[in-house]
Amino acid sequence: MNKKVAFYTLGCKLNFSETSTIARSFTNEGFDRVEFNEVADIYVINTCSVTENADKRFKSIVKQAQKVNPDAFVAAVGCYAQLKPQELADVNGVDLVLGATEKFNLTSYINELINNPERNRGAGEVHSCEIENADFYVGSYSIGDRTRAFLKVQDGCDYKCTYCTIPLARGISRSDTMESVIKNAKEIAAQDIKEIVLTGVNIGDYGKGEFGNKKHEHTFLDLVKELDQVEGIERLRISSIEPNLLKNETIDLVSKSRAFVPHFHIPLQSGNNDILKKMKRRYMRELYVDRVSKIKEVMPHACIGVDVIVGFPGETDEHFLDTYNFLNELDISYLHVFTYSERDNTEAAVMDGVVPKKVRAKRSKMLRGLSAKKRRAFYESQLGSTRIVLFESENKEGYIHGFTENYVKVKTPWNPELVNTLHEVELTKIDEDGMVRFDFVKTLAF
């Protein structure tokens, strides 16, 4: 009988795409994939290091696996496994910890453990390279549902933001080859998946490291041009791109594109220049205004999402209000708000001016409130317009949800025939739950 494997992913879309690739390697070797709450022989947890919360959740996820099958092997991979391998190995029930480069060879490590019954259970084995050696690229993509896939095009980061552990966890910036990205995109399209979301750590840096060194032939703009030509993909979405790497040419190309949608997610982190300098971000807020203005000039209906961190060391009430007012006046659509948390081995962790946790929580709440206001205003601005909706695959309390090309979330009574289909609709009103209702205009056959 085939052995069973289950996966749990913490963190970002990039982690989800890598979990999918690791899962396919197990399937190729004859393992059966099951849900994490089912009995499995092996439980794999793909870890995240971005927030304190993700660290804490790891232990409870290990306990969850042990409760279902106390005799199963538990493996930890990913960012936190690279940063704190011994800490994870010491968690009761963890058998194997693999770092940034080793995680893609998980099946061979697991087979070795399974075939070696003499090994000492209860002492987690660690295989974690020095992060300087994480200099090769492994392409991946995830197919979590029928409607969209996350396609990894780049990994690692050469930036030295003072709050961030990602360069320590994932290594230098490196990219997939253009040929491989296009091949993966065609494989996804062949499975009748309508939307691809491009992911990476710093995707605007695409091209760097595509030949295993700093020389590169291609840029992010080249990637966008090439992907736009791949037949069978109805939508391409850029997950997140640094403002200093989002060029006018890319914005113009998206505005005229066949498949790229008018939705940008652009990290800001602070609306105050003093704090941006302390964070070692590579732009000032004036550049951010310029990027938003350019997008809105060529795509007035574009959705713009913003990442922002509150409670960074040295952030006074004045700095925070500067950020709040800056975002309030900016023509953006929603915020992803992160409460600053200290990470070991980062410059910010030893900075003066620590903001009390209560103050951080209050600021976070204020910005989440602003985000709700911004999203509502954006949705209201779209009422009466005709948009194209791609419907999701889940029945949520008798409704099916979908997203327009510019990321307005819509709902209509559940109809299984709508799953993974595209329809032209007219947006009519905002429901009590904040989602948008619509009238069908026509079905789009592809």
Protein backbone atom coordinates (compact mmCIF):
# COMPACT_ATOMS: atom_id res chain seq x y z
CA MET A 1 0.00 0.00 0.00
CA ASN A 2 1.28 3.48 -0.84
CA LYS A 3 2.52 5.66 1.98
CA LYS A 4 0.53 8.84 2.63
CA VAL A 5 1.87 12.38 2.91
CA ALA A 6 0.16 15.58 4.08
CA PHE A 7 1.27 19.22 3.82
CA TYR A 8 0.68 22.40 5.82
CA THR A 9 1.87 25.74 4.44
CA LEU A 10 2.49 28.88 6.52
CA GLY A 11 3.17 32.26 4.94
CA CYS A 12 3.20 33.60 1.43
CA LYS A 13 2.03 32.57 -2.03
CA LEU A 14 5.62 31.67 -2.86
CA ASN A 15 5.55 29.06 -0.09
CA PHE A 16 2.32 27.65 -1.53
CA SER A 17 3.89 27.29 -4.98
CA GLU A 18 6.92 25.52 -3.48
CA THR A 19 4.76 23.20 -1.36
CA SER A 20 2.95 22.17 -4.55
CA THR A 21 6.22 21.36 -6.30
CA ILE A 22 7.48 19.33 -3.32
CA ALA A 23 4.10 17.54 -3.18
CA ARG A 24 4.37 16.60 -6.87
CA SER A 25 7.79 15.06 -6.19
CA PHE A 26 6.14 12.79 -3.58
CA THR A 27 3.32 11.84 -5.97
CA ASN A 28 5.91 10.98 -8.64
CA GLU A 29 7.53 8.57 -6.18
CA GLY A 30 4.29 6.73 -5.46
CA PHE A 31 3.09 8.52 -2.30
CA ASP A 32 -0.60 9.40 -1.91
CA ARG A 33 -1.34 12.98 -0.87
CA VAL A 34 -4.01 13.45 1.83
CA GLU A 35 -5.37 16.40 3.81
CA PHE A 36 -3.42 17.54 6.88
CA ASN A 37 -6.21 16.50 9.26
CA GLU A 38 -6.20 12.93 7.88
CA VAL A 39 -3.99 10.02 8.92
CA ALA A 40 -0.66 10.21 7.07
CA ASP A 41 2.74 8.54 7.35
CA ILE A 42 4.56 11.83 6.77
CA TYR A 43 3.52 15.38 7.69
CA VAL A 44 5.40 18.23 6.02
CA ILE A 45 5.18 21.78 7.42
CA ASN A 46 6.45 24.57 5.16
CA THR A 47 7.44 27.33 7.59
CA CYS A 48 7.50 31.13 7.45
CA SER A 49 9.75 33.62 9.23
CA VAL A 50 8.04 36.91 8.47
CA THR A 51 6.03 37.28 11.68
CA GLU A 52 6.28 36.14 15.26
CA ASN A 53 2.86 34.55 14.94
CA ALA A 54 4.04 32.12 12.22
CA ASP A 55 6.79 30.89 14.59
CA LYS A 56 4.32 30.24 17.40
CA ARG A 57 1.86 28.42 15.16
CA PHE A 58 4.50 25.86 14.20
CA LYS A 59 4.35 24.04 17.55
CA SER A 60 0.57 23.76 17.51
CA ILE A 61 0.65 22.38 13.94
CA VAL A 62 3.18 19.70 15.00
CA LYS A 63 0.86 18.76 17.90
CA GLN A 64 -2.07 18.60 15.47
CA ALA A 65 -0.17 16.10 13.29
CA GLN A 66 0.90 14.00 16.28
CA LYS A 67 -2.66 13.83 17.55
CA VAL A 68 -3.83 12.33 14.23
CA ASN A 69 -0.92 9.87 13.97
CA PRO A 70 1.64 9.74 16.82
CA ASP A 71 3.89 7.41 14.76
CA ALA A 72 4.14 9.66 11.69
CA PHE A 73 7.33 11.36 10.52
CA VAL A 74 7.16 15.15 10.84
CA ALA A 75 9.37 17.28 8.58
CA ALA A 76 9.84 21.07 8.75
CA VAL A 77 11.07 22.94 5.67
CA GLY A 78 11.24 26.53 4.45
CA CYS A 79 12.25 29.92 5.78
CA TYR A 80 12.09 29.37 9.54
CA ALA A 81 13.75 25.97 9.07
CA GLN A 82 16.66 27.82 7.43
CA LEU A 83 16.89 30.57 10.07
CA LYS A 84 16.38 28.53 13.27
CA PRO A 85 16.89 24.86 12.31
CA GLN A 86 17.91 23.68 15.76
CA GLU A 87 15.00 25.46 17.42
CA LEU A 88 12.57 23.56 15.18
CA ALA A 89 14.47 20.28 15.56
CA ASP A 90 14.09 20.58 19.35
CA VAL A 91 10.29 20.75 19.10
CA ASN A 92 8.86 17.50 20.41
CA GLY A 93 7.78 15.25 17.52
CA VAL A 94 9.88 16.84 14.76
CA ASP A 95 12.03 14.26 12.93
CA LEU A 96 13.60 16.26 10.11
CA VAL A 97 14.44 19.91 9.41
CA LEU A 98 15.52 20.99 5.92
CA GLY A 99 16.78 24.44 4.95
CA ALA A 100 16.54 26.59 1.82
CA THR A 101 18.30 24.32 -0.67
CA GLU A 102 17.60 20.93 0.90
CA LYS A 103 13.79 21.21 0.92
CA PHE A 104 13.55 20.30 -2.76
CA ASN A 105 15.24 16.95 -2.01
CA LEU A 106 12.79 16.11 0.76
CA THR A 107 11.74 12.77 -0.77
CA SER A 108 15.27 11.39 -0.70
CA TYR A 109 15.75 12.42 2.95
CA ILE A 110 12.38 10.88 3.86
CA ASN A 111 13.12 7.61 2.03
CA GLU A 112 16.42 7.40 3.88
CA LEU A 113 14.62 7.83 7.23
CA ILE A 114 11.90 5.31 6.38
CA ASN A 115 14.48 2.73 5.30
CA ASN A 116 16.58 3.21 8.42
CA PRO A 117 14.52 1.98 11.38
CA GLU A 118 17.60 2.06 13.66
CA ARG A 119 17.74 5.85 13.73
CA ASN A 120 16.94 7.65 16.94
CA ARG A 121 13.31 8.84 16.88
CA GLY A 122 12.69 11.96 18.91
CA ALA A 123 15.89 13.77 17.92
CA GLY A 124 15.20 15.93 14.89
CA GLU A 125 17.81 15.66 12.14
CA VAL A 126 18.93 18.96 10.64
CA HIS A 127 20.15 19.47 7.07
CA SER A 128 20.61 23.17 6.48
CA CYS A 129 23.18 24.79 4.22
CA GLU A 130 24.94 28.08 4.80
CA ILE A 131 22.62 30.58 3.13
CA GLU A 132 25.50 31.77 0.90
CA ASN A 133 25.21 28.38 -0.83
CA ALA A 134 21.57 28.95 -1.74
CA ASP A 135 22.50 30.24 -5.14
CA PHE A 136 20.66 27.90 -7.50
CA TYR A 137 17.09 28.20 -8.66
CA VAL A 138 14.26 25.68 -8.42
CA GLY A 139 11.17 26.58 -10.43
CA SER A 140 7.74 25.81 -9.02
CA TYR A 141 4.06 26.47 -9.36
CA SER A 142 1.01 25.63 -7.30
CA ILE A 143 -2.37 24.49 -8.42
CA GLY A 144 -4.51 24.82 -5.30
CA ASP A 145 -7.87 25.21 -6.99
CA ARG A 146 -9.28 25.03 -10.49
CA THR A 147 -9.30 28.75 -11.14
CA ARG A 148 -5.81 30.06 -10.45
CA ALA A 149 -2.20 28.98 -10.08
CA PHE A 150 0.77 30.65 -8.39
CA LEU A 151 3.82 30.62 -10.66
CA LYS A 152 7.21 31.25 -9.05
CA VAL A 153 9.54 33.24 -11.33
CA GLN A 154 12.18 34.51 -8.87
CA ASP A 155 13.64 33.72 -5.44
CA GLY A 156 15.82 35.45 -2.84
CA CYS A 157 16.56 39.15 -2.38
CA ASP A 158 19.62 41.41 -2.55
CA TYR A 159 17.93 44.22 -0.60
CA LYS A 160 18.97 44.86 3.00
CA CYS A 161 15.76 46.20 4.58
CA THR A 162 16.50 46.52 8.29
CA TYR A 163 13.38 44.63 9.49
CA CYS A 164 13.54 41.66 7.12
CA THR A 165 14.94 38.13 7.46
CA ILE A 166 14.09 36.99 3.92
CA PRO A 167 17.66 37.40 2.52
CA LEU A 168 18.89 35.29 5.46
CA ALA A 169 16.19 32.68 4.85
CA ARG A 170 16.21 32.53 1.04
CA GLY A 171 19.58 33.82 -0.11
CA ILE A 172 20.55 36.07 -3.00
CA SER A 173 18.22 37.21 -5.78
CA ARG A 174 18.01 34.66 -8.58
CA SER A 175 15.55 33.94 -11.36
CA ASP A 176 14.09 31.15 -13.41
CA THR A 177 15.08 31.08 -17.07
CA MET A 178 12.56 32.60 -19.46
CA GLU A 179 12.27 29.24 -21.20
CA SER A 180 11.34 27.47 -17.95
CA VAL A 181 8.78 30.14 -16.91
CA ILE A 182 7.04 29.90 -20.29
CA LYS A 183 7.10 26.07 -20.14
CA ASN A 184 5.50 26.14 -16.66
CA ALA A 185 2.91 28.68 -17.81
CA LYS A 186 1.96 26.43 -20.75
CA GLU A 187 1.66 23.42 -18.42
CA ILE A 188 -0.71 25.42 -16.21
CA ALA A 189 -2.75 26.62 -19.20
CA ALA A 190 -3.10 23.02 -20.42
CA GLN A 191 -4.96 22.20 -17.18
CA ASP A 192 -7.78 24.66 -17.94
CA ILE A 193 -6.67 27.09 -15.25
CA LYS A 194 -7.77 30.59 -16.19
CA GLU A 195 -5.50 32.76 -14.04
CA ILE A 196 -1.81 32.78 -13.17
CA VAL A 197 -0.44 34.88 -10.30
CA LEU A 198 3.30 35.64 -10.66
CA THR A 199 5.15 35.17 -7.38
CA GLY A 200 8.66 35.56 -6.01
CA VAL A 201 10.45 37.35 -3.20
CA ASN A 202 11.29 40.40 -5.32
CA ILE A 203 9.80 39.76 -8.75
CA GLY A 204 10.65 43.18 -10.17
CA ASP A 205 14.27 41.98 -9.92
CA TYR A 206 13.45 39.20 -12.41
CA GLY A 207 16.32 38.29 -14.71
CA LYS A 208 19.06 38.56 -12.12
CA GLY A 209 20.81 35.24 -11.61
CA GLU A 210 19.05 33.45 -14.49
CA PHE A 211 22.40 31.99 -15.56
CA GLY A 212 23.60 31.21 -12.04
CA ASN A 213 25.52 34.50 -11.83
CA LYS A 214 24.69 38.20 -11.84
CA LYS A 215 24.68 38.42 -15.63
CA HIS A 216 21.26 38.41 -17.17
CA GLU A 217 19.67 38.75 -20.52
CA HIS A 218 16.08 39.40 -19.48
CA THR A 219 14.18 41.90 -17.33
CA PHE A 220 10.78 41.87 -15.66
CA LEU A 221 9.42 43.83 -18.64
CA ASP A 222 10.63 41.07 -21.00
CA LEU A 223 8.92 38.49 -18.79
CA VAL A 224 5.61 40.38 -18.89
CA LYS A 225 5.83 40.67 -22.70
CA GLU A 226 6.55 36.97 -23.17
CA LEU A 227 3.88 35.72 -20.78
CA ASP A 228 1.27 37.94 -22.41
CA GLN A 229 1.73 35.85 -25.57
CA VAL A 230 1.07 32.45 -23.95
CA GLU A 231 -2.18 31.10 -25.32
CA GLY A 232 -4.77 29.56 -23.03
CA ILE A 233 -4.16 31.86 -20.07
CA GLU A 234 -6.98 34.32 -19.71
CA ARG A 235 -5.52 36.31 -16.83
CA LEU A 236 -2.08 37.14 -15.50
CA ARG A 237 -1.72 38.95 -12.18
CA ILE A 238 1.44 40.49 -10.68
CA SER A 239 1.42 39.54 -6.99
CA SER A 240 3.66 42.22 -5.48
CA ILE A 241 6.31 44.51 -6.93
CA GLU A 242 8.64 47.07 -5.32
CA PRO A 243 7.78 50.68 -6.33
CA ASN A 244 11.34 51.40 -7.49
CA LEU A 245 11.23 48.36 -9.82
CA LEU A 246 7.81 49.09 -11.33
CA LYS A 247 8.74 50.96 -14.48
CA ASN A 248 6.54 53.15 -16.69
CA GLU A 249 7.05 50.68 -19.56
CA THR A 250 5.61 47.85 -17.47
CA ILE A 251 2.61 49.95 -16.42
CA ASP A 252 1.98 50.95 -20.05
CA LEU A 253 2.28 47.35 -21.20
CA VAL A 254 -0.22 46.13 -18.58
CA SER A 255 -2.65 48.88 -19.64
CA LYS A 256 -2.62 47.55 -23.23
CA SER A 257 -2.14 43.89 -22.36
CA ARG A 258 -4.23 40.97 -23.57
CA ALA A 259 -4.00 39.02 -20.29
CA PHE A 260 -2.39 41.14 -17.54
CA VAL A 261 -5.05 42.56 -15.25
CA PRO A 262 -5.21 46.14 -13.86
CA HIS A 263 -4.27 45.13 -10.32
CA PHE A 264 -1.01 46.11 -8.62
CA HIS A 265 0.19 45.30 -5.12
CA ILE A 266 3.00 47.69 -4.22
CA PRO A 267 4.76 47.58 -0.83
CA LEU A 268 5.09 51.01 0.79
CA GLN A 269 5.92 50.04 4.45
CA SER A 270 5.83 53.66 5.68
CA GLY A 271 4.49 56.96 4.41
CA ASN A 272 7.16 58.88 6.30
CA ASN A 273 10.56 59.45 4.66
CA ASP A 274 12.53 59.34 7.94
CA ILE A 275 11.14 55.88 8.69
CA LEU A 276 11.71 54.72 5.09
CA LYS A 277 15.38 55.70 5.50
CA LYS A 278 15.63 53.77 8.78
CA MET A 279 14.06 50.78 7.04
CA LYS A 280 16.65 51.12 4.22
CA ARG A 281 13.93 51.08 1.60
CA ARG A 282 15.14 52.10 -1.86
CA TYR A 283 12.77 54.99 -2.51
CA MET A 284 11.12 57.96 -0.83
CA ARG A 285 7.38 58.46 -0.63
CA GLU A 286 7.45 60.90 -3.57
CA LEU A 287 8.36 58.01 -5.90
CA TYR A 288 5.41 56.03 -4.52
CA VAL A 289 3.02 58.90 -5.33
CA ASP A 290 4.50 59.00 -8.82
CA ARG A 291 3.86 55.24 -9.36
CA VAL A 292 0.24 55.47 -8.17
CA SER A 293 -0.37 58.54 -10.36
CA LYS A 294 1.09 56.82 -13.42
CA ILE A 295 -1.09 53.71 -12.94
CA LYS A 296 -4.25 55.78 -12.45
CA GLU A 297 -3.42 57.96 -15.45
CA VAL A 298 -3.41 55.00 -17.89
CA MET A 299 -5.81 52.71 -15.95
CA PRO A 300 -8.25 54.81 -13.86
CA HIS A 301 -10.12 51.63 -12.83
CA ALA A 302 -6.96 49.84 -11.59
CA CYS A 303 -6.91 48.31 -8.13
CA ILE A 304 -3.84 49.23 -6.05
CA GLY A 305 -3.01 47.37 -2.85
CA VAL A 306 -0.42 48.59 -0.35
CA ASP A 307 1.74 46.81 2.27
CA VAL A 308 2.45 48.94 5.34
CA ILE A 309 4.25 48.23 8.63
CA VAL A 310 3.23 49.96 11.88
CA GLY A 311 5.27 50.29 15.04
CA PHE A 312 8.74 50.24 13.49
CA PRO A 313 11.43 51.34 16.01
CA GLY A 314 11.52 55.12 16.22
CA GLU A 315 8.04 55.58 14.74
CA THR A 316 6.57 58.44 16.80
CA ASP A 317 2.91 59.46 16.83
CA GLU A 318 3.86 62.20 14.33
CA HIS A 319 5.51 59.68 11.98
CA PHE A 320 2.49 57.40 12.17
CA LEU A 321 0.01 60.24 11.53
CA ASP A 322 2.15 61.27 8.57
CA THR A 323 1.75 57.73 7.16
CA TYR A 324 -1.99 57.69 7.94
CA ASN A 325 -2.63 61.04 6.24
CA PHE A 326 -0.42 60.11 3.29
CA LEU A 327 -2.41 56.91 2.69
CA ASN A 328 -5.74 58.61 3.31
CA GLU A 329 -5.06 61.09 0.50
CA LEU A 330 -3.60 58.51 -1.91
CA ASP A 331 -5.80 56.96 -4.63
CA ILE A 332 -5.35 53.36 -3.47
CA SER A 333 -7.82 50.50 -3.00
CA TYR A 334 -6.85 48.54 0.14
CA LEU A 335 -4.04 47.97 2.67
CA HIS A 336 -2.25 44.92 4.02
CA VAL A 337 -1.24 46.05 7.50
CA PHE A 338 1.65 44.36 9.33
CA THR A 339 2.42 45.03 12.97
CA TYR A 340 6.20 45.27 13.33
CA SER A 341 7.73 42.31 15.19
CA GLU A 342 11.39 42.01 16.15
CA ARG A 343 13.34 39.40 14.15
CA ASP A 344 16.71 38.08 15.30
CA ASN A 345 19.78 39.08 13.27
CA THR A 346 18.15 42.16 11.76
CA GLU A 347 19.36 45.74 12.24
CA ALA A 348 15.95 46.92 13.41
CA ALA A 349 15.90 44.44 16.31
CA VAL A 350 18.57 46.45 18.14
CA MET A 351 17.36 49.94 17.22
CA ASP A 352 16.33 52.48 19.85
CA GLY A 353 12.83 53.86 20.12
CA VAL A 354 10.97 50.57 20.61
CA VAL A 355 7.24 51.17 20.18
CA PRO A 356 5.13 49.58 22.96
CA LYS A 357 3.04 46.62 21.75
CA LYS A 358 -0.21 48.31 22.79
CA VAL A 359 0.65 51.32 20.64
CA ARG A 360 1.53 49.04 17.71
CA ALA A 361 -1.84 47.29 18.07
CA LYS A 362 -3.72 50.61 18.18
CA ARG A 363 -1.97 51.90 15.04
CA SER A 364 -2.63 48.63 13.26
CA LYS A 365 -6.33 48.88 14.09
CA MET A 366 -6.46 52.46 12.76
CA LEU A 367 -4.92 51.46 9.44
CA ARG A 368 -7.16 48.40 9.09
CA GLY A 369 -10.10 50.77 9.54
CA LEU A 370 -8.67 53.01 6.83
CA SER A 371 -8.26 49.98 4.57
CA ALA A 372 -11.96 49.08 4.95
CA LYS A 373 -12.88 52.68 4.06
CA LYS A 374 -10.58 52.66 1.01
CA ARG A 375 -11.91 49.32 -0.25
CA ARG A 376 -15.50 50.51 0.13
CA ALA A 377 -14.76 53.73 -1.78
CA PHE A 378 -13.03 51.76 -4.55
CA TYR A 379 -15.96 49.34 -4.85
CA GLU A 380 -18.41 52.26 -4.95
CA SER A 381 -16.39 53.84 -7.77
CA GLN A 382 -16.87 50.64 -9.80
CA LEU A 383 -20.68 50.41 -9.49
CA GLY A 384 -22.39 50.74 -12.87
CA SER A 385 -19.30 49.56 -14.74
CA THR A 386 -19.07 46.42 -16.84
CA ARG A 387 -16.36 43.99 -15.72
CA ILE A 388 -15.27 40.41 -16.33
CA VAL A 389 -15.59 38.01 -13.39
CA LEU A 390 -13.77 34.72 -12.90
CA PHE A 391 -15.76 32.53 -10.52
CA GLU A 392 -14.14 30.50 -7.72
CA SER A 393 -14.79 26.85 -6.93
CA GLU A 394 -16.19 27.00 -3.40
CA ASN A 395 -19.77 27.04 -2.16
CA LYS A 396 -19.71 29.58 0.69
CA GLU A 397 -22.99 29.51 2.61
CA GLY A 398 -25.01 29.17 -0.57
CA TYR A 399 -23.05 31.72 -2.59
CA ILE A 400 -20.36 31.55 -5.22
CA HIS A 401 -17.69 34.26 -5.14
CA GLY A 402 -15.55 35.66 -7.90
CA PHE A 403 -13.15 38.49 -8.69
CA THR A 404 -13.28 41.05 -11.47
CA GLU A 405 -10.09 41.71 -13.39
CA ASN A 406 -9.52 44.74 -11.14
CA TYR A 407 -10.01 42.69 -7.96
CA VAL A 408 -13.54 43.61 -6.92
CA LYS A 409 -14.98 40.67 -4.97
CA VAL A 410 -18.48 39.71 -6.12
CA LYS A 411 -21.09 37.14 -5.07
CA THR A 412 -24.20 35.48 -6.47
CA PRO A 413 -26.29 32.45 -5.39
CA TRP A 414 -24.35 29.19 -5.76
CA ASN A 415 -24.41 27.60 -9.19
CA PRO A 416 -21.82 24.86 -9.85
CA GLU A 417 -21.90 25.58 -13.59
CA LEU A 418 -20.29 28.98 -12.94
CA VAL A 419 -17.13 27.47 -11.38
CA ASN A 420 -13.96 28.44 -13.30
CA THR A 421 -15.90 30.37 -15.94
CA LEU A 422 -15.61 33.98 -17.10
CA HIS A 423 -18.63 36.25 -17.44
CA GLU A 424 -19.16 39.85 -18.38
CA VAL A 425 -21.23 41.50 -15.63
CA GLU A 426 -22.52 44.90 -14.61
CA LEU A 427 -21.71 45.78 -10.99
CA THR A 428 -24.92 46.98 -9.31
CA LYS A 429 -24.68 47.33 -5.53
CA ILE A 430 -22.63 46.59 -2.43
CA ASP A 431 -24.09 43.93 -0.13
CA GLU A 432 -24.19 44.16 3.69
CA ASP A 433 -21.07 41.95 3.88
CA GLY A 434 -19.13 44.39 1.66
CA MET A 435 -19.17 42.20 -1.46
CA VAL A 436 -20.61 43.44 -4.73
CA ARG A 437 -23.75 42.15 -6.47
CA PHE A 438 -24.16 42.27 -10.23
CA ASP A 439 -26.27 41.51 -13.29
CA PHE A 440 -25.02 39.10 -15.94
CA VAL A 441 -24.33 40.73 -19.29
CA LYS A 442 -22.91 37.76 -21.22
CA THR A 443 -20.99 34.51 -20.86
CA LEU A 444 -17.53 34.49 -22.36
CA ALA A 445 -16.70 31.20 -24.09
CA PHE A 446 -13.04 30.17 -24.19
